[in-house]
C-alpha atoms as a PDB file:
ATOM      1  CA  MET A   1     -91.786-123.033  69.509  1.00  0.00           C
ATOM      2  CA  ASP A   2     -93.458-125.889  67.635  1.00  0.00           C
ATOM      3  CA  ASN A   3     -95.201-128.883  69.148  1.00  0.00           C
ATOM      4  CA  ASN A   4     -92.010-130.981  69.201  1.00  0.00           C
ATOM      5  CA  ASP A   5     -90.126-128.284  71.125  1.00  0.00           C
ATOM      6  CA  ALA A   6     -92.989-127.918  73.588  1.00  0.00           C
ATOM      7  CA  PHE A   7     -93.052-131.705  74.069  1.00  0.00           C
ATOM      8  CA  ILE A   8     -89.285-131.819  74.735  1.00  0.00           C
ATOM      9  CA  VAL A   9     -89.422-128.895  77.182  1.00  0.00           C
ATOM     10  CA  GLY A  10     -92.398-130.466  78.942  1.00  0.00           C
ATOM     11  CA  ASN A  11     -90.609-133.803  79.260  1.00  0.00           C
ATOM     12  CA  GLN A  12     -87.456-132.102  80.564  1.00  0.00           C
ATOM     13  CA  SER A  13     -89.520-130.263  83.149  1.00  0.00           C
ATOM     14  CA  ASN A  14     -91.248-133.499  84.236  1.00  0.00           C
ATOM     15  CA  TYR A  15     -87.878-135.264  84.397  1.00  0.00           C
ATOM     16  CA  ALA A  16     -86.351-132.488  86.510  1.00  0.00           C
ATOM     17  CA  GLU A  17     -89.346-132.576  88.864  1.00  0.00           C
ATOM     18  CA  SER A  18     -89.119-136.356  89.115  1.00  0.00           C
ATOM     19  CA  MET A  19     -85.391-136.158  89.915  1.00  0.00           C
ATOM     20  CA  LYS A  20     -86.055-133.589  92.658  1.00  0.00           C
ATOM     21  CA  LYS A  21     -88.605-135.925  94.254  1.00  0.00           C
ATOM     22  CA  GLU A  22     -86.197-138.887  94.051  1.00  0.00           C
ATOM     23  CA  TYR A  23     -83.382-136.830  95.546  1.00  0.00           C
ATOM     24  CA  SER A  24     -85.670-135.684  98.354  1.00  0.00           C
ATOM     25  CA  LYS A  25     -86.654-139.303  99.127  1.00  0.00           C
ATOM     26  CA  PHE A  26     -82.981-140.301  99.056  1.00  0.00           C
ATOM     27  CA  ARG A  27     -82.058-137.541 101.527  1.00  0.00           C
ATOM     28  CA  VAL A  28     -84.828-138.629 103.918  1.00  0.00           C
ATOM     29  CA  THR A  29     -83.647-142.251 103.677  1.00  0.00           C
ATOM     30  CA  VAL A  30     -80.039-141.238 104.382  1.00  0.00           C
ATOM     31  CA  LYS A  31     -81.083-139.084 107.364  1.00  0.00           C
ATOM     32  CA  LEU A  32     -83.216-141.876 108.845  1.00  0.00           C
ATOM     33  CA  THR A  33     -80.387-144.374 108.370  1.00  0.00           C
ATOM     34  CA  LEU A  34     -77.900-142.037 110.050  1.00  0.00           C
ATOM     35  CA  ALA A  35     -80.351-141.405 112.885  1.00  0.00           C
ATOM     36  CA  ALA A  36     -80.792-145.163 113.434  1.00  0.00           C
ATOM     37  CA  VAL A  37     -77.020-145.761 113.432  1.00  0.00           C
ATOM     38  CA  PHE A  38     -76.372-142.896 115.841  1.00  0.00           C
ATOM     39  CA  ALA A  39     -79.297-143.896 118.084  1.00  0.00           C
ATOM     40  CA  ALA A  40     -77.667-147.317 118.391  1.00  0.00           C
ATOM     41  CA  LEU A  41     -74.324-145.663 119.174  1.00  0.00           C
ATOM     42  CA  VAL A  42     -75.925-143.398 121.807  1.00  0.00           C
ATOM     43  CA  PHE A  43     -77.508-146.465 123.388  1.00  0.00           C
ATOM     44  CA  ILE A  44     -74.230-148.441 123.374  1.00  0.00           C
ATOM     45  CA  VAL A  45     -72.053-145.615 124.698  1.00  0.00           C
ATOM     46  CA  THR A  46     -74.600-144.630 127.359  1.00  0.00           C
ATOM     47  CA  SER A  47     -75.285-148.147 128.594  1.00  0.00           C
ATOM     48  CA  GLN A  48     -71.971-149.952 128.082  1.00  0.00           C
ATOM     49  CA  ILE A  49     -69.412-147.393 129.237  1.00  0.00           C
ATOM     50  CA  PRO A  50     -70.172-147.781 132.938  1.00  0.00           C
ATOM     51  CA  PRO A  51     -72.629-145.066 133.985  1.00  0.00           C
ATOM     52  CA  ILE A  52     -72.035-143.456 137.374  1.00  0.00           C
ATOM     53  CA  PRO A  53     -75.149-143.522 139.605  1.00  0.00           C
ATOM     54  CA  ILE A  54     -76.317-140.291 141.264  1.00  0.00           C
ATOM     55  CA  PRO A  55     -78.016-141.576 144.450  1.00  0.00           C
ATOM     56  CA  ALA A  56     -79.755-138.304 145.317  1.00  0.00           C
ATOM     57  CA  THR A  57     -82.030-138.403 142.277  1.00  0.00           C
ATOM     58  CA  SER A  58     -81.701-142.056 141.238  1.00  0.00           C
ATOM     59  CA  GLY A  59     -80.264-140.796 137.954  1.00  0.00           C
ATOM     60  CA  TYR A  60     -76.845-141.463 136.466  1.00  0.00           C
ATOM     61  CA  PHE A  61     -73.867-139.727 134.834  1.00  0.00           C
ATOM     62  CA  ASN A  62     -72.840-140.995 131.381  1.00  0.00           C
ATOM     63  CA  VAL A  63     -70.872-140.041 128.267  1.00  0.00           C
ATOM     64  CA  GLY A  64     -73.663-140.640 125.753  1.00  0.00           C
ATOM     65  CA  GLU A  65     -73.864-136.878 125.227  1.00  0.00           C
ATOM     66  CA  THR A  66     -70.714-137.182 123.141  1.00  0.00           C
ATOM     67  CA  VAL A  67     -72.454-139.217 120.442  1.00  0.00           C
ATOM     68  CA  ILE A  68     -75.488-136.912 120.407  1.00  0.00           C
ATOM     69  CA  TYR A  69     -73.206-133.932 119.814  1.00  0.00           C
ATOM     70  CA  VAL A  70     -71.232-135.673 117.070  1.00  0.00           C
ATOM     71  CA  ALA A  71     -74.452-136.702 115.299  1.00  0.00           C
ATOM     72  CA  ALA A  72     -75.985-133.225 115.546  1.00  0.00           C
ATOM     73  CA  LEU A  73     -72.831-131.295 114.611  1.00  0.00           C
ATOM     74  CA  LEU A  74     -72.076-133.446 111.564  1.00  0.00           C
ATOM     75  CA  PHE A  75     -75.541-134.318 110.278  1.00  0.00           C
ATOM     76  CA  GLY A  76     -77.953-131.694 111.596  1.00  0.00           C
ATOM     77  CA  ALA A  77     -81.010-131.253 113.741  1.00  0.00           C
ATOM     78  CA  SER A  78     -83.120-134.219 112.664  1.00  0.00           C
ATOM     79  CA  VAL A  79     -80.321-136.785 113.088  1.00  0.00           C
ATOM     80  CA  GLY A  80     -79.304-135.187 116.403  1.00  0.00           C
ATOM     81  CA  ALA A  81     -82.881-135.173 117.684  1.00  0.00           C
ATOM     82  CA  LEU A  82     -83.803-138.731 116.716  1.00  0.00           C
ATOM     83  CA  SER A  83     -80.518-140.305 117.769  1.00  0.00           C
ATOM     84  CA  GLY A  84     -80.384-138.369 121.035  1.00  0.00           C
ATOM     85  CA  GLY A  85     -83.972-138.901 122.092  1.00  0.00           C
ATOM     86  CA  ILE A  86     -84.402-142.519 121.043  1.00  0.00           C
ATOM     87  CA  GLY A  87     -80.916-143.817 121.886  1.00  0.00           C
ATOM     88  CA  ALA A  88     -80.792-142.224 125.342  1.00  0.00           C
ATOM     89  CA  MET A  89     -84.372-143.248 126.153  1.00  0.00           C
ATOM     90  CA  LEU A  90     -83.620-146.884 125.288  1.00  0.00           C
ATOM     91  CA  ALA A  91     -80.502-146.729 127.477  1.00  0.00           C
ATOM     92  CA  ASP A  92     -82.625-145.462 130.396  1.00  0.00           C
ATOM     93  CA  ILE A  93     -85.007-148.385 129.997  1.00  0.00           C
ATOM     94  CA  TYR A  94     -82.198-150.939 129.590  1.00  0.00           C
ATOM     95  CA  LEU A  95     -80.312-149.675 132.639  1.00  0.00           C
ATOM     96  CA  GLY A  96     -83.405-149.730 134.861  1.00  0.00           C
ATOM     97  CA  PHE A  97     -84.014-145.972 134.907  1.00  0.00           C
ATOM     98  CA  GLY A  98     -87.331-146.224 133.077  1.00  0.00           C
ATOM     99  CA  VAL A  99     -88.848-143.452 135.177  1.00  0.00           C
ATOM    100  CA  PHE A 100     -86.551-141.059 133.283  1.00  0.00           C
ATOM    101  CA  ALA A 101     -87.323-142.490 129.817  1.00  0.00           C
ATOM    102  CA  PRO A 102     -90.225-140.182 128.802  1.00  0.00           C
ATOM    103  CA  GLY A 103     -88.312-137.103 129.915  1.00  0.00           C
ATOM    104  CA  THR A 104     -85.138-138.310 128.239  1.00  0.00           C
ATOM    105  CA  LEU A 105     -86.913-138.859 124.920  1.00  0.00           C
ATOM    106  CA  VAL A 106     -88.044-135.230 124.878  1.00  0.00           C
ATOM    107  CA  ILE A 107     -85.080-133.579 126.614  1.00  0.00           C
ATOM    108  CA  LYS A 108     -82.309-135.326 124.666  1.00  0.00           C
ATOM    109  CA  GLY A 109     -84.317-135.046 121.450  1.00  0.00           C
ATOM    110  CA  ILE A 110     -84.623-131.281 121.864  1.00  0.00           C
ATOM    111  CA  GLU A 111     -80.962-131.075 122.860  1.00  0.00           C
ATOM    112  CA  GLY A 112     -79.853-132.823 119.649  1.00  0.00           C
ATOM    113  CA  ALA A 113     -82.193-130.667 117.563  1.00  0.00           C
ATOM    114  CA  ILE A 114     -80.884-127.437 119.109  1.00  0.00           C
ATOM    115  CA  VAL A 115     -77.236-128.396 118.627  1.00  0.00           C
ATOM    116  CA  GLY A 116     -77.760-129.413 114.992  1.00  0.00           C
ATOM    117  CA  PHE A 117     -79.990-126.483 114.063  1.00  0.00           C
ATOM    118  CA  LEU A 118     -77.895-123.820 115.774  1.00  0.00           C
ATOM    119  CA  ASN A 119     -74.631-125.183 114.396  1.00  0.00           C
ATOM    120  CA  LEU A 120     -76.004-125.012 110.849  1.00  0.00           C
ATOM    121  CA  LYS A 121     -77.297-121.460 111.322  1.00  0.00           C
ATOM    122  CA  LEU A 122     -74.107-120.187 112.984  1.00  0.00           C
ATOM    123  CA  LYS A 123     -71.933-121.490 110.130  1.00  0.00           C
ATOM    124  CA  LYS A 124     -73.573-118.876 107.889  1.00  0.00           C
ATOM    125  CA  TYR A 125     -72.191-116.075 110.071  1.00  0.00           C
ATOM    126  CA  ILE A 126     -69.110-117.530 111.784  1.00  0.00           C
ATOM    127  CA  GLN A 127     -66.261-119.098 109.795  1.00  0.00           C
ATOM    128  CA  ASN A 128     -64.734-120.891 112.779  1.00  0.00           C
ATOM    129  CA  VAL A 129     -66.191-124.434 112.872  1.00  0.00           C
ATOM    130  CA  THR A 130     -65.021-125.031 116.448  1.00  0.00           C
ATOM    131  CA  LEU A 131     -66.629-121.843 117.751  1.00  0.00           C
ATOM    132  CA  CYS A 132     -69.926-122.725 116.042  1.00  0.00           C
ATOM    133  CA  ALA A 133     -69.828-126.185 117.635  1.00  0.00           C
ATOM    134  CA  VAL A 134     -68.985-124.881 121.114  1.00  0.00           C
ATOM    135  CA  ILE A 135     -71.771-122.286 121.087  1.00  0.00           C
ATOM    136  CA  SER A 136     -74.275-124.835 119.768  1.00  0.00           C
ATOM    137  CA  VAL A 137     -73.365-127.434 122.396  1.00  0.00           C
ATOM    138  CA  ILE A 138     -73.463-124.929 125.254  1.00  0.00           C
ATOM    139  CA  VAL A 139     -76.969-123.814 124.252  1.00  0.00           C
ATOM    140  CA  GLY A 140     -78.208-127.371 123.608  1.00  0.00           C
ATOM    141  CA  GLY A 141     -76.499-128.719 126.725  1.00  0.00           C
ATOM    142  CA  SER A 142     -78.024-125.956 128.834  1.00  0.00           C
ATOM    143  CA  GLU A 143     -81.451-127.076 127.620  1.00  0.00           C
ATOM    144  CA  MET A 144     -80.579-130.600 128.800  1.00  0.00           C
ATOM    145  CA  VAL A 145     -79.529-129.389 132.255  1.00  0.00           C
ATOM    146  CA  ALA A 146     -82.664-127.219 132.601  1.00  0.00           C
ATOM    147  CA  GLY A 147     -84.869-129.966 131.129  1.00  0.00           C
ATOM    148  CA  TYR A 148     -83.854-132.566 133.698  1.00  0.00           C
ATOM    149  CA  PHE A 149     -84.071-129.975 136.464  1.00  0.00           C
ATOM    150  CA  LEU A 150     -87.718-129.311 135.560  1.00  0.00           C
ATOM    151  CA  TYR A 151     -88.582-132.946 134.799  1.00  0.00           C
ATOM    152  CA  GLU A 152     -87.284-134.195 138.133  1.00  0.00           C
ATOM    153  CA  GLN A 153     -89.203-131.510 139.997  1.00  0.00           C
ATOM    154  CA  LEU A 154     -92.463-131.468 138.062  1.00  0.00           C
ATOM    155  CA  ALA A 155     -92.841-135.046 136.815  1.00  0.00           C
ATOM    156  CA  LEU A 156     -90.945-136.998 139.472  1.00  0.00           C
ATOM    157  CA  GLY A 157     -91.828-134.742 142.409  1.00  0.00           C
ATOM    158  CA  LEU A 158     -88.280-134.511 143.761  1.00  0.00           C
ATOM    159  CA  SER A 159     -87.447-131.639 146.075  1.00  0.00           C
ATOM    160  CA  PHE A 160     -85.657-128.525 144.849  1.00  0.00           C
ATOM    161  CA  SER A 161     -82.534-129.289 146.905  1.00  0.00           C
ATOM    162  CA  VAL A 162     -82.300-132.859 145.584  1.00  0.00           C
ATOM    163  CA  VAL A 163     -82.758-131.733 141.969  1.00  0.00           C
ATOM    164  CA  LEU A 164     -80.246-128.944 142.471  1.00  0.00           C
ATOM    165  CA  ALA A 165     -77.683-131.539 143.564  1.00  0.00           C
ATOM    166  CA  GLU A 166     -77.865-133.260 140.168  1.00  0.00           C
ATOM    167  CA  ALA A 167     -77.567-130.116 138.015  1.00  0.00           C
ATOM    168  CA  PRO A 168     -73.737-129.915 138.326  1.00  0.00           C
ATOM    169  CA  PHE A 169     -73.457-133.562 137.198  1.00  0.00           C
ATOM    170  CA  ASN A 170     -75.511-132.770 134.095  1.00  0.00           C
ATOM    171  CA  ALA A 171     -73.383-129.694 133.409  1.00  0.00           C
ATOM    172  CA  VAL A 172     -70.199-131.766 133.697  1.00  0.00           C
ATOM    173  CA  GLN A 173     -71.786-134.374 131.410  1.00  0.00           C
ATOM    174  CA  MET A 174     -72.243-131.619 128.816  1.00  0.00           C
ATOM    175  CA  LEU A 175     -68.627-130.426 129.202  1.00  0.00           C
ATOM    176  CA  VAL A 176     -67.212-133.952 128.948  1.00  0.00           C
ATOM    177  CA  GLY A 177     -69.419-134.462 125.894  1.00  0.00           C
ATOM    178  CA  ILE A 178     -68.020-131.468 124.063  1.00  0.00           C
ATOM    179  CA  ILE A 179     -64.418-132.214 125.049  1.00  0.00           C
ATOM    180  CA  ILE A 180     -64.702-135.657 123.459  1.00  0.00           C
ATOM    181  CA  ALA A 181     -67.028-134.685 120.582  1.00  0.00           C
ATOM    182  CA  LEU A 182     -64.911-131.833 119.164  1.00  0.00           C
ATOM    183  CA  PRO A 183     -61.846-133.929 118.231  1.00  0.00           C
ATOM    184  CA  ILE A 184     -64.119-136.608 116.738  1.00  0.00           C
ATOM    185  CA  MET A 185     -65.967-133.961 114.707  1.00  0.00           C
ATOM    186  CA  HIS A 186     -62.691-132.503 113.406  1.00  0.00           C
ATOM    187  CA  ALA A 187     -61.335-135.965 112.532  1.00  0.00           C
ATOM    188  CA  VAL A 188     -64.468-136.767 110.510  1.00  0.00           C
ATOM    189  CA  LEU A 189     -64.403-133.359 108.793  1.00  0.00           C
ATOM    190  CA  ARG A 190     -60.796-133.921 107.735  1.00  0.00           C
ATOM    191  CA  VAL A 191     -61.819-137.136 106.010  1.00  0.00           C
ATOM    192  CA  PHE A 192     -65.145-135.782 104.699  1.00  0.00           C
ATOM    193  CA  PRO A 193     -64.699-132.011 104.242  1.00  0.00           C
ATOM    194  CA  GLN A 194     -68.002-131.816 102.322  1.00  0.00           C
ATOM    195  CA  LEU A 195     -69.809-132.202 105.663  1.00  0.00           C
ATOM    196  CA  LYS A 196     -68.658-128.693 106.647  1.00  0.00           C
ATOM    197  CA  SER A 197     -71.309-127.063 104.493  1.00  0.00           C
END
């Protein structure tokens, strides 16, 4: 290999490295944009579709879980986490449930991350997209139910019996979320089948 060949190979290597960096920046930008869009959707769905108050704990039942699941199942853990945590927290503040906002940021963020991460991992071993989604949502949703159970007891100081009364509402919220999210996920995947991988 003469000097010209070495120069060409070196330039090709630099170009390839530069393209990898640009692609990586592009992916981060796309993920952040998707997270912002879905956070706005979580906020809108949670706050504008009338939430049902739960007097025992001063919390509320809502269908915002649906959007968190759609975001996480289609676009992964980071989009699910950011959209779930930020969108739901802002809805808490807007609706006057600010006492829940710090817990919601963490609990819904972890929920979205679990659903997105687990769904991606399960797809490597299970061919059925629906089964992967259901398992992921059940695990992530269970974290949400347990998270609020602990938050209301430890951070808000509510009694065990009062907190226990809200747990079924959170479980139903998870089930309603998956019932609505699955058809939406399948509709999007029919239009954009590349999102399956």
